[in-house]
C-alpha atoms as a PDB file:
ATOM      1  CA  UNK A   1      46.432 348.835 217.635  1.00  0.00           C
ATOM      2  CA  UNK A   2      46.856 345.825 215.262  1.00  0.00           C
ATOM      3  CA  UNK A   3      50.344 345.168 214.070  1.00  0.00           C
ATOM      4  CA  UNK A   4      50.479 345.541 210.582  1.00  0.00           C
ATOM      5  CA  UNK A   5      52.944 344.998 207.594  1.00  0.00           C
ATOM      6  CA  UNK A   6      54.404 348.002 205.798  1.00  0.00           C
ATOM      7  CA  UNK A   7      51.451 348.022 203.175  1.00  0.00           C
ATOM      8  CA  UNK A   8      49.002 348.428 206.183  1.00  0.00           C
ATOM      9  CA  UNK A   9      47.504 344.928 206.199  1.00  0.00           C
ATOM     10  CA  UNK A  10      47.167 342.827 209.407  1.00  0.00           C
ATOM     11  CA  UNK A  11      50.066 340.519 210.189  1.00  0.00           C
ATOM     12  CA  UNK A  12      47.629 337.772 210.809  1.00  0.00           C
ATOM     13  CA  UNK A  13      46.215 337.415 207.386  1.00  0.00           C
ATOM     14  CA  UNK A  14      44.942 334.065 207.594  1.00  0.00           C
ATOM     15  CA  UNK A  15      43.168 334.719 210.839  1.00  0.00           C
ATOM     16  CA  UNK A  16      41.650 338.274 210.148  1.00  0.00           C
ATOM     17  CA  UNK A  17      38.247 338.877 208.983  1.00  0.00           C
ATOM     18  CA  UNK A  18      39.323 340.154 205.463  1.00  0.00           C
ATOM     19  CA  UNK A  19      40.459 336.567 204.816  1.00  0.00           C
ATOM     20  CA  UNK A  20      37.286 335.195 205.867  1.00  0.00           C
ATOM     21  CA  UNK A  21      34.000 337.488 206.910  1.00  0.00           C
ATOM     22  CA  UNK A  22      32.080 334.350 207.595  1.00  0.00           C
ATOM     23  CA  UNK A  23      32.718 332.868 210.971  1.00  0.00           C
ATOM     24  CA  UNK A  24      34.606 329.476 211.381  1.00  0.00           C
ATOM     25  CA  UNK A  25      32.750 326.640 212.636  1.00  0.00           C
ATOM     26  CA  UNK A  26      34.909 324.151 214.451  1.00  0.00           C
ATOM     27  CA  UNK A  27      33.084 320.672 214.147  1.00  0.00           C
ATOM     28  CA  UNK A  28      34.205 318.207 217.106  1.00  0.00           C
ATOM     29  CA  UNK A  29      32.693 314.886 216.453  1.00  0.00           C
ATOM     30  CA  UNK A  30      29.345 316.254 215.368  1.00  0.00           C
ATOM     31  CA  UNK A  31      29.407 319.112 218.026  1.00  0.00           C
ATOM     32  CA  UNK A  32      29.837 322.616 216.548  1.00  0.00           C
ATOM     33  CA  UNK A  33      31.807 325.547 218.207  1.00  0.00           C
ATOM     34  CA  UNK A  34      31.206 328.778 216.471  1.00  0.00           C
ATOM     35  CA  UNK A  35      27.821 328.202 215.319  1.00  0.00           C
ATOM     36  CA  UNK A  36      25.683 330.490 217.259  1.00  0.00           C
ATOM     37  CA  UNK A  37      25.137 328.723 220.631  1.00  0.00           C
ATOM     38  CA  UNK A  38      27.562 328.943 223.566  1.00  0.00           C
ATOM     39  CA  UNK A  39      29.190 325.439 224.220  1.00  0.00           C
ATOM     40  CA  UNK A  40      29.992 324.496 227.697  1.00  0.00           C
ATOM     41  CA  UNK A  41      33.327 322.726 228.350  1.00  0.00           C
ATOM     42  CA  UNK A  42      33.813 321.462 231.844  1.00  0.00           C
ATOM     43  CA  UNK A  43      35.806 319.216 233.993  1.00  0.00           C
ATOM     44  CA  UNK A  44      38.876 318.977 236.480  1.00  0.00           C
ATOM     45  CA  UNK A  45      42.164 320.806 235.983  1.00  0.00           C
ATOM     46  CA  UNK A  46      43.951 317.585 236.053  1.00  0.00           C
ATOM     47  CA  UNK A  47      42.966 313.824 235.939  1.00  0.00           C
ATOM     48  CA  UNK A  48      43.730 312.657 239.464  1.00  0.00           C
ATOM     49  CA  UNK A  49      41.743 309.175 239.611  1.00  0.00           C
ATOM     50  CA  UNK A  50      39.365 306.949 237.514  1.00  0.00           C
ATOM     51  CA  UNK A  51      36.809 307.712 240.258  1.00  0.00           C
ATOM     52  CA  UNK A  52      37.325 311.542 240.121  1.00  0.00           C
ATOM     53  CA  UNK A  53      37.127 311.759 236.461  1.00  0.00           C
ATOM     54  CA  UNK A  54      34.030 309.181 236.112  1.00  0.00           C
ATOM     55  CA  UNK A  55      31.940 311.126 238.468  1.00  0.00           C
ATOM     56  CA  UNK A  56      32.897 314.432 237.093  1.00  0.00           C
ATOM     57  CA  UNK A  57      32.266 313.132 233.555  1.00  0.00           C
ATOM     58  CA  UNK A  58      28.698 311.664 234.591  1.00  0.00           C
ATOM     59  CA  UNK A  59      27.851 315.095 236.094  1.00  0.00           C
ATOM     60  CA  UNK A  60      28.940 316.959 232.989  1.00  0.00           C
ATOM     61  CA  UNK A  61      27.130 314.653 230.974  1.00  0.00           C
ATOM     62  CA  UNK A  62      23.901 314.901 233.173  1.00  0.00           C
ATOM     63  CA  UNK A  63      23.969 318.777 232.687  1.00  0.00           C
ATOM     64  CA  UNK A  64      23.905 318.586 229.151  1.00  0.00           C
ATOM     65  CA  UNK A  65      27.748 318.982 228.499  1.00  0.00           C
ATOM     66  CA  UNK A  66      29.102 317.474 225.492  1.00  0.00           C
ATOM     67  CA  UNK A  67      32.848 318.385 226.293  1.00  0.00           C
ATOM     68  CA  UNK A  68      34.974 317.257 229.163  1.00  0.00           C
ATOM     69  CA  UNK A  69      38.340 318.897 229.904  1.00  0.00           C
ATOM     70  CA  UNK A  70      40.933 317.438 231.928  1.00  0.00           C
ATOM     71  CA  UNK A  71      44.793 317.387 231.839  1.00  0.00           C
ATOM     72  CA  UNK A  72      46.865 314.129 231.713  1.00  0.00           C
ATOM     73  CA  UNK A  73      49.822 316.180 231.194  1.00  0.00           C
ATOM     74  CA  UNK A  74      50.197 319.220 233.377  1.00  0.00           C
ATOM     75  CA  UNK A  75      52.847 321.741 232.759  1.00  0.00           C
ATOM     76  CA  UNK A  76      53.279 323.310 236.339  1.00  0.00           C
ATOM     77  CA  UNK A  77      54.953 326.485 237.450  1.00  0.00           C
ATOM     78  CA  UNK A  78      56.837 324.458 240.075  1.00  0.00           C
ATOM     79  CA  UNK A  79      58.547 321.349 239.687  1.00  0.00           C
ATOM     80  CA  UNK A  80      57.171 319.947 242.566  1.00  0.00           C
ATOM     81  CA  UNK A  81      53.717 320.142 241.825  1.00  0.00           C
ATOM     82  CA  UNK A  82      51.441 317.688 240.637  1.00  0.00           C
ATOM     83  CA  UNK A  83      52.295 317.093 237.004  1.00  0.00           C
ATOM     84  CA  UNK A  84      49.475 314.934 235.958  1.00  0.00           C
ATOM     85  CA  UNK A  85      48.844 311.023 235.726  1.00  0.00           C
ATOM     86  CA  UNK A  86      50.602 311.331 232.087  1.00  0.00           C
ATOM     87  CA  UNK A  87      49.874 307.972 229.972  1.00  0.00           C
ATOM     88  CA  UNK A  88      47.427 306.538 232.736  1.00  0.00           C
ATOM     89  CA  UNK A  89      45.551 309.663 232.560  1.00  0.00           C
ATOM     90  CA  UNK A  90      45.323 309.525 228.877  1.00  0.00           C
ATOM     91  CA  UNK A  91      43.844 305.967 229.437  1.00  0.00           C
ATOM     92  CA  UNK A  92      41.207 307.209 231.750  1.00  0.00           C
ATOM     93  CA  UNK A  93      40.274 310.057 229.439  1.00  0.00           C
ATOM     94  CA  UNK A  94      39.724 307.539 226.556  1.00  0.00           C
ATOM     95  CA  UNK A  95      37.724 305.149 228.757  1.00  0.00           C
ATOM     96  CA  UNK A  96      35.349 308.227 229.994  1.00  0.00           C
ATOM     97  CA  UNK A  97      35.038 309.187 226.078  1.00  0.00           C
ATOM     98  CA  UNK A  98      33.759 305.925 225.145  1.00  0.00           C
ATOM     99  CA  UNK A  99      31.497 305.722 228.488  1.00  0.00           C
ATOM    100  CA  UNK A 100      29.884 309.075 228.229  1.00  0.00           C
ATOM    101  CA  UNK A 101      30.290 309.904 224.450  1.00  0.00           C
ATOM    102  CA  UNK A 102      31.956 313.115 225.328  1.00  0.00           C
ATOM    103  CA  UNK A 103      34.507 315.233 223.470  1.00  0.00           C
ATOM    104  CA  UNK A 104      37.695 315.368 225.090  1.00  0.00           C
ATOM    105  CA  UNK A 105      39.665 318.579 225.670  1.00  0.00           C
ATOM    106  CA  UNK A 106      43.305 317.963 227.139  1.00  0.00           C
ATOM    107  CA  UNK A 107      46.585 319.801 226.995  1.00  0.00           C
ATOM    108  CA  UNK A 108      49.366 319.001 224.784  1.00  0.00           C
ATOM    109  CA  UNK A 109      52.695 319.761 226.639  1.00  0.00           C
ATOM    110  CA  UNK A 110      55.248 319.578 223.924  1.00  0.00           C
ATOM    111  CA  UNK A 111      56.059 318.044 220.457  1.00  0.00           C
ATOM    112  CA  UNK A 112      57.127 314.682 222.221  1.00  0.00           C
ATOM    113  CA  UNK A 113      53.879 313.677 223.842  1.00  0.00           C
ATOM    114  CA  UNK A 114      51.676 315.132 220.939  1.00  0.00           C
ATOM    115  CA  UNK A 115      50.977 311.797 219.355  1.00  0.00           C
ATOM    116  CA  UNK A 116      49.908 310.186 222.136  1.00  0.00           C
ATOM    117  CA  UNK A 117      47.835 313.038 223.289  1.00  0.00           C
ATOM    118  CA  UNK A 118      46.392 313.123 219.765  1.00  0.00           C
ATOM    119  CA  UNK A 119      45.346 309.543 219.926  1.00  0.00           C
ATOM    120  CA  UNK A 120      42.618 310.324 222.637  1.00  0.00           C
ATOM    121  CA  UNK A 121      41.901 314.187 222.363  1.00  0.00           C
ATOM    122  CA  UNK A 122      39.118 315.277 220.142  1.00  0.00           C
ATOM    123  CA  UNK A 123      40.525 318.926 221.094  1.00  0.00           C
ATOM    124  CA  UNK A 124      44.142 319.687 221.529  1.00  0.00           C
ATOM    125  CA  UNK A 125      44.778 322.307 224.077  1.00  0.00           C
ATOM    126  CA  UNK A 126      47.562 324.608 223.818  1.00  0.00           C
ATOM    127  CA  UNK A 127      48.362 325.935 227.187  1.00  0.00           C
ATOM    128  CA  UNK A 128      49.127 329.515 227.948  1.00  0.00           C
ATOM    129  CA  UNK A 129      52.694 328.765 228.484  1.00  0.00           C
ATOM    130  CA  UNK A 130      52.923 327.119 225.359  1.00  0.00           C
ATOM    131  CA  UNK A 131      51.126 329.845 223.193  1.00  0.00           C
ATOM    132  CA  UNK A 132      54.447 330.949 221.573  1.00  0.00           C
ATOM    133  CA  UNK A 133      55.849 327.351 221.500  1.00  0.00           C
ATOM    134  CA  UNK A 134      56.267 327.683 217.582  1.00  0.00           C
ATOM    135  CA  UNK A 135      57.544 324.330 217.009  1.00  0.00           C
ATOM    136  CA  UNK A 136      54.667 322.826 218.824  1.00  0.00           C
ATOM    137  CA  UNK A 137      52.076 325.022 216.857  1.00  0.00           C
ATOM    138  CA  UNK A 138      53.774 324.098 213.613  1.00  0.00           C
ATOM    139  CA  UNK A 139      53.349 320.568 214.684  1.00  0.00           C
ATOM    140  CA  UNK A 140      49.741 320.688 215.441  1.00  0.00           C
ATOM    141  CA  UNK A 141      49.123 322.651 212.327  1.00  0.00           C
ATOM    142  CA  UNK A 142      50.133 319.828 210.458  1.00  0.00           C
ATOM    143  CA  UNK A 143      47.876 317.395 211.979  1.00  0.00           C
ATOM    144  CA  UNK A 144      44.845 319.779 211.219  1.00  0.00           C
ATOM    145  CA  UNK A 145      42.920 318.590 214.049  1.00  0.00           C
ATOM    146  CA  UNK A 146      40.841 320.936 216.424  1.00  0.00           C
ATOM    147  CA  UNK A 147      43.040 323.045 218.691  1.00  0.00           C
ATOM    148  CA  UNK A 148      42.032 325.263 221.635  1.00  0.00           C
ATOM    149  CA  UNK A 149      44.511 328.095 221.834  1.00  0.00           C
ATOM    150  CA  UNK A 150      44.923 329.848 225.101  1.00  0.00           C
ATOM    151  CA  UNK A 151      46.064 333.596 225.489  1.00  0.00           C
ATOM    152  CA  UNK A 152      49.281 333.790 227.334  1.00  0.00           C
ATOM    153  CA  UNK A 153      49.086 335.686 230.426  1.00  0.00           C
ATOM    154  CA  UNK A 154      51.362 338.437 229.145  1.00  0.00           C
ATOM    155  CA  UNK A 155      50.340 337.998 225.675  1.00  0.00           C
ATOM    156  CA  UNK A 156      48.328 340.944 223.830  1.00  0.00           C
ATOM    157  CA  UNK A 157      45.466 340.033 221.442  1.00  0.00           C
ATOM    158  CA  UNK A 158      47.491 340.616 218.172  1.00  0.00           C
ATOM    159  CA  UNK A 159      50.109 338.091 219.627  1.00  0.00           C
ATOM    160  CA  UNK A 160      47.099 335.466 220.111  1.00  0.00           C
ATOM    161  CA  UNK A 161      46.237 335.790 216.757  1.00  0.00           C
ATOM    162  CA  UNK A 162      49.658 335.781 215.509  1.00  0.00           C
ATOM    163  CA  UNK A 163      50.075 332.099 217.281  1.00  0.00           C
ATOM    164  CA  UNK A 164      46.846 331.044 215.333  1.00  0.00           C
ATOM    165  CA  UNK A 165      48.476 332.246 212.291  1.00  0.00           C
ATOM    166  CA  UNK A 166      51.343 329.575 212.668  1.00  0.00           C
ATOM    167  CA  UNK A 167      48.826 326.750 212.792  1.00  0.00           C
ATOM    168  CA  UNK A 168      46.499 328.333 210.017  1.00  0.00           C
ATOM    169  CA  UNK A 169      49.680 328.545 207.670  1.00  0.00           C
ATOM    170  CA  UNK A 170      50.389 325.045 208.059  1.00  0.00           C
ATOM    171  CA  UNK A 171      46.610 324.326 206.984  1.00  0.00           C
ATOM    172  CA  UNK A 172      45.049 323.686 210.176  1.00  0.00           C
ATOM    173  CA  UNK A 173      41.829 325.774 210.193  1.00  0.00           C
ATOM    174  CA  UNK A 174      40.041 324.157 213.215  1.00  0.00           C
ATOM    175  CA  UNK A 175      41.205 326.756 215.815  1.00  0.00           C
ATOM    176  CA  UNK A 176      39.508 327.977 218.772  1.00  0.00           C
ATOM    177  CA  UNK A 177      41.025 330.844 220.426  1.00  0.00           C
ATOM    178  CA  UNK A 178      40.537 331.171 224.366  1.00  0.00           C
ATOM    179  CA  UNK A 179      40.640 334.114 226.482  1.00  0.00           C
ATOM    180  CA  UNK A 180      42.059 333.017 230.154  1.00  0.00           C
ATOM    181  CA  UNK A 181      42.924 335.832 231.821  1.00  0.00           C
ATOM    182  CA  UNK A 182      46.106 338.389 231.632  1.00  0.00           C
ATOM    183  CA  UNK A 183      48.614 339.334 234.188  1.00  0.00           C
ATOM    184  CA  UNK A 184      48.025 342.956 235.420  1.00  0.00           C
ATOM    185  CA  UNK A 185      49.087 344.693 238.646  1.00  0.00           C
ATOM    186  CA  UNK A 186      45.694 343.436 240.635  1.00  0.00           C
ATOM    187  CA  UNK A 187      46.873 341.040 243.222  1.00  0.00           C
ATOM    188  CA  UNK A 188      43.443 340.123 244.519  1.00  0.00           C
ATOM    189  CA  UNK A 189      42.522 337.761 241.641  1.00  0.00           C
ATOM    190  CA  UNK A 190      44.894 335.121 240.151  1.00  0.00           C
ATOM    191  CA  UNK A 191      44.776 337.050 236.673  1.00  0.00           C
ATOM    192  CA  UNK A 192      42.476 339.961 235.195  1.00  0.00           C
ATOM    193  CA  UNK A 193      39.865 338.182 233.130  1.00  0.00           C
ATOM    194  CA  UNK A 194      39.714 340.356 229.878  1.00  0.00           C
ATOM    195  CA  UNK A 195      36.184 340.106 228.915  1.00  0.00           C
ATOM    196  CA  UNK A 196      36.973 342.809 226.252  1.00  0.00           C
ATOM    197  CA  UNK A 197      39.067 340.532 224.388  1.00  0.00           C
ATOM    198  CA  UNK A 198      35.707 338.275 223.420  1.00  0.00           C
ATOM    199  CA  UNK A 199      34.121 340.983 221.372  1.00  0.00           C
ATOM    200  CA  UNK A 200      37.356 342.268 220.097  1.00  0.00           C
ATOM    201  CA  UNK A 201      38.498 338.962 218.639  1.00  0.00           C
ATOM    202  CA  UNK A 202      35.277 338.227 217.115  1.00  0.00           C
ATOM    203  CA  UNK A 203      35.543 341.747 215.549  1.00  0.00           C
ATOM    204  CA  UNK A 204      39.142 341.082 213.958  1.00  0.00           C
ATOM    205  CA  UNK A 205      38.764 337.292 213.552  1.00  0.00           C
ATOM    206  CA  UNK A 206      36.563 334.822 212.230  1.00  0.00           C
ATOM    207  CA  UNK A 207      37.915 332.325 214.662  1.00  0.00           C
ATOM    208  CA  UNK A 208      35.599 331.308 217.572  1.00  0.00           C
ATOM    209  CA  UNK A 209      36.592 332.326 220.676  1.00  0.00           C
ATOM    210  CA  UNK A 210      36.172 330.476 224.238  1.00  0.00           C
ATOM    211  CA  UNK A 211      36.539 331.746 227.543  1.00  0.00           C
ATOM    212  CA  UNK A 212      38.048 330.095 230.650  1.00  0.00           C
ATOM    213  CA  UNK A 213      37.059 332.173 233.788  1.00  0.00           C
ATOM    214  CA  UNK A 214      38.244 329.628 236.085  1.00  0.00           C
ATOM    215  CA  UNK A 215      41.880 330.474 235.379  1.00  0.00           C
ATOM    216  CA  UNK A 216      40.834 333.931 234.476  1.00  0.00           C
ATOM    217  CA  UNK A 217      40.157 334.825 238.244  1.00  0.00           C
ATOM    218  CA  UNK A 218      41.207 331.906 240.089  1.00  0.00           C
ATOM    219  CA  UNK A 219      38.569 332.065 242.830  1.00  0.00           C
ATOM    220  CA  UNK A 220      35.769 329.493 242.804  1.00  0.00           C
ATOM    221  CA  UNK A 221      32.914 331.979 243.635  1.00  0.00           C
ATOM    222  CA  UNK A 222      33.979 334.460 240.825  1.00  0.00           C
ATOM    223  CA  UNK A 223      33.886 331.950 238.186  1.00  0.00           C
ATOM    224  CA  UNK A 224      29.981 332.064 237.814  1.00  0.00           C
ATOM    225  CA  UNK A 225      29.440 335.873 237.060  1.00  0.00           C
ATOM    226  CA  UNK A 226      32.294 336.093 234.915  1.00  0.00           C
ATOM    227  CA  UNK A 227      31.168 332.780 232.829  1.00  0.00           C
ATOM    228  CA  UNK A 228      27.690 334.677 232.597  1.00  0.00           C
ATOM    229  CA  UNK A 229      29.556 337.749 231.326  1.00  0.00           C
ATOM    230  CA  UNK A 230      31.570 335.963 228.784  1.00  0.00           C
ATOM    231  CA  UNK A 231      28.191 334.429 227.314  1.00  0.00           C
ATOM    232  CA  UNK A 232      26.887 338.065 227.230  1.00  0.00           C
ATOM    233  CA  UNK A 233      29.894 339.430 225.485  1.00  0.00           C
ATOM    234  CA  UNK A 234      29.573 336.698 222.533  1.00  0.00           C
ATOM    235  CA  UNK A 235      31.916 333.844 223.577  1.00  0.00           C
ATOM    236  CA  UNK A 236      31.188 330.794 221.353  1.00  0.00           C
ATOM    237  CA  UNK A 237      32.321 328.337 224.343  1.00  0.00           C
ATOM    238  CA  UNK A 238      32.749 328.712 228.084  1.00  0.00           C
ATOM    239  CA  UNK A 239      35.178 326.394 229.973  1.00  0.00           C
ATOM    240  CA  UNK A 240      35.292 325.990 233.654  1.00  0.00           C
ATOM    241  CA  UNK A 241      36.732 323.657 236.303  1.00  0.00           C
ATOM    242  CA  UNK A 242      34.842 321.331 238.380  1.00  0.00           C
ATOM    243  CA  UNK A 243      35.761 318.954 240.778  1.00  0.00           C
ATOM    244  CA  UNK A 244      34.026 316.280 243.298  1.00  0.00           C
ATOM    245  CA  UNK A 245      36.132 317.596 246.351  1.00  0.00           C
ATOM    246  CA  UNK A 246      37.858 320.968 245.545  1.00  0.00           C
ATOM    247  CA  UNK A 247      39.413 321.282 248.881  1.00  0.00           C
ATOM    248  CA  UNK A 248      41.732 318.221 248.360  1.00  0.00           C
ATOM    249  CA  UNK A 249      42.117 318.690 244.434  1.00  0.00           C
ATOM    250  CA  UNK A 250      45.658 318.012 243.419  1.00  0.00           C
ATOM    251  CA  UNK A 251      45.863 321.059 241.016  1.00  0.00           C
ATOM    252  CA  UNK A 252      43.885 324.376 241.172  1.00  0.00           C
ATOM    253  CA  UNK A 253      41.248 323.491 243.607  1.00  0.00           C
ATOM    254  CA  UNK A 254      40.762 326.986 244.575  1.00  0.00           C
ATOM    255  CA  UNK A 255      39.232 327.895 241.392  1.00  0.00           C
ATOM    256  CA  UNK A 256      37.196 324.625 240.719  1.00  0.00           C
ATOM    257  CA  UNK A 257      33.506 324.742 241.155  1.00  0.00           C
ATOM    258  CA  UNK A 258      31.864 321.641 243.297  1.00  0.00           C
ATOM    259  CA  UNK A 259      29.115 319.938 241.932  1.00  0.00           C
ATOM    260  CA  UNK A 260      26.285 321.863 243.425  1.00  0.00           C
ATOM    261  CA  UNK A 261      27.840 325.033 242.326  1.00  0.00           C
ATOM    262  CA  UNK A 262      28.299 323.553 238.647  1.00  0.00           C
ATOM    263  CA  UNK A 263      24.733 322.518 238.271  1.00  0.00           C
ATOM    264  CA  UNK A 264      23.527 325.948 239.124  1.00  0.00           C
ATOM    265  CA  UNK A 265      25.829 327.544 236.696  1.00  0.00           C
ATOM    266  CA  UNK A 266      25.052 324.960 233.903  1.00  0.00           C
ATOM    267  CA  UNK A 267      21.388 325.856 234.552  1.00  0.00           C
ATOM    268  CA  UNK A 268      21.958 329.545 234.556  1.00  0.00           C
ATOM    269  CA  UNK A 269      23.888 329.628 231.388  1.00  0.00           C
ATOM    270  CA  UNK A 270      21.127 327.687 229.747  1.00  0.00           C
ATOM    271  CA  UNK A 271      18.473 330.230 230.892  1.00  0.00           C
ATOM    272  CA  UNK A 272      20.884 333.229 229.900  1.00  0.00           C
ATOM    273  CA  UNK A 273      20.955 331.889 226.330  1.00  0.00           C
ATOM    274  CA  UNK A 274      17.200 331.080 226.112  1.00  0.00           C
ATOM    275  CA  UNK A 275      16.575 334.759 227.281  1.00  0.00           C
ATOM    276  CA  UNK A 276      18.918 335.952 224.734  1.00  0.00           C
ATOM    277  CA  UNK A 277      17.575 334.010 221.734  1.00  0.00           C
ATOM    278  CA  UNK A 278      13.997 335.392 222.497  1.00  0.00           C
END
């Protein structure tokens, strides 16, 4: 059930279909998300080196991708895990952006590092841990820049829409929601990828919805079928992790596709969309 005000209207007033019946289209340097075709966003979980990033960017570009994901600042569950290259990672993302004309999607860790990230990012990613970091959401709302808002592992769909409302209320309408799996009693997967959230959000909200099956399942071989399921369910974008050497990745290598698997998935997603359009 939706959270409602005493008069019965949704609490996410600006994010609701009632506020805007037509879908919102987020334009990112000439590339549209929410315009009908499903957009592929791909790249490593974390920026590790120039060689790793440039090899991956070249692959993504060759496969028709226009968006590269990669974390320079990496909030991690353990303080001993790789936290990203930080400022050096941003420099590498900026270099690859210029070299391949890719739109950069990278995570914002906090309000303090937001200005530095915003200088490089075409899309500011709010990670699952920060979905309810309201000062950060308000700061991004004031910037009025494209943002990818990930659903928290323990958050309901309504809570995700309410987090988007924080940015909408500050004037930022360039919001892409993202389903990336929720925590359930299942232990065989990293999370439970909630495919049902995609049509549900499309019904409730005008904001585009992306899917992140890599974090949703956490197992490389299970990512392609879930990515295709997300497209079939109506996702406006699919974001997957790809790495030149997943076995030696410094972050989330177990869920990253190698280059061969990514090329195959990119081809299959194009074929799936072509069949759907016929």
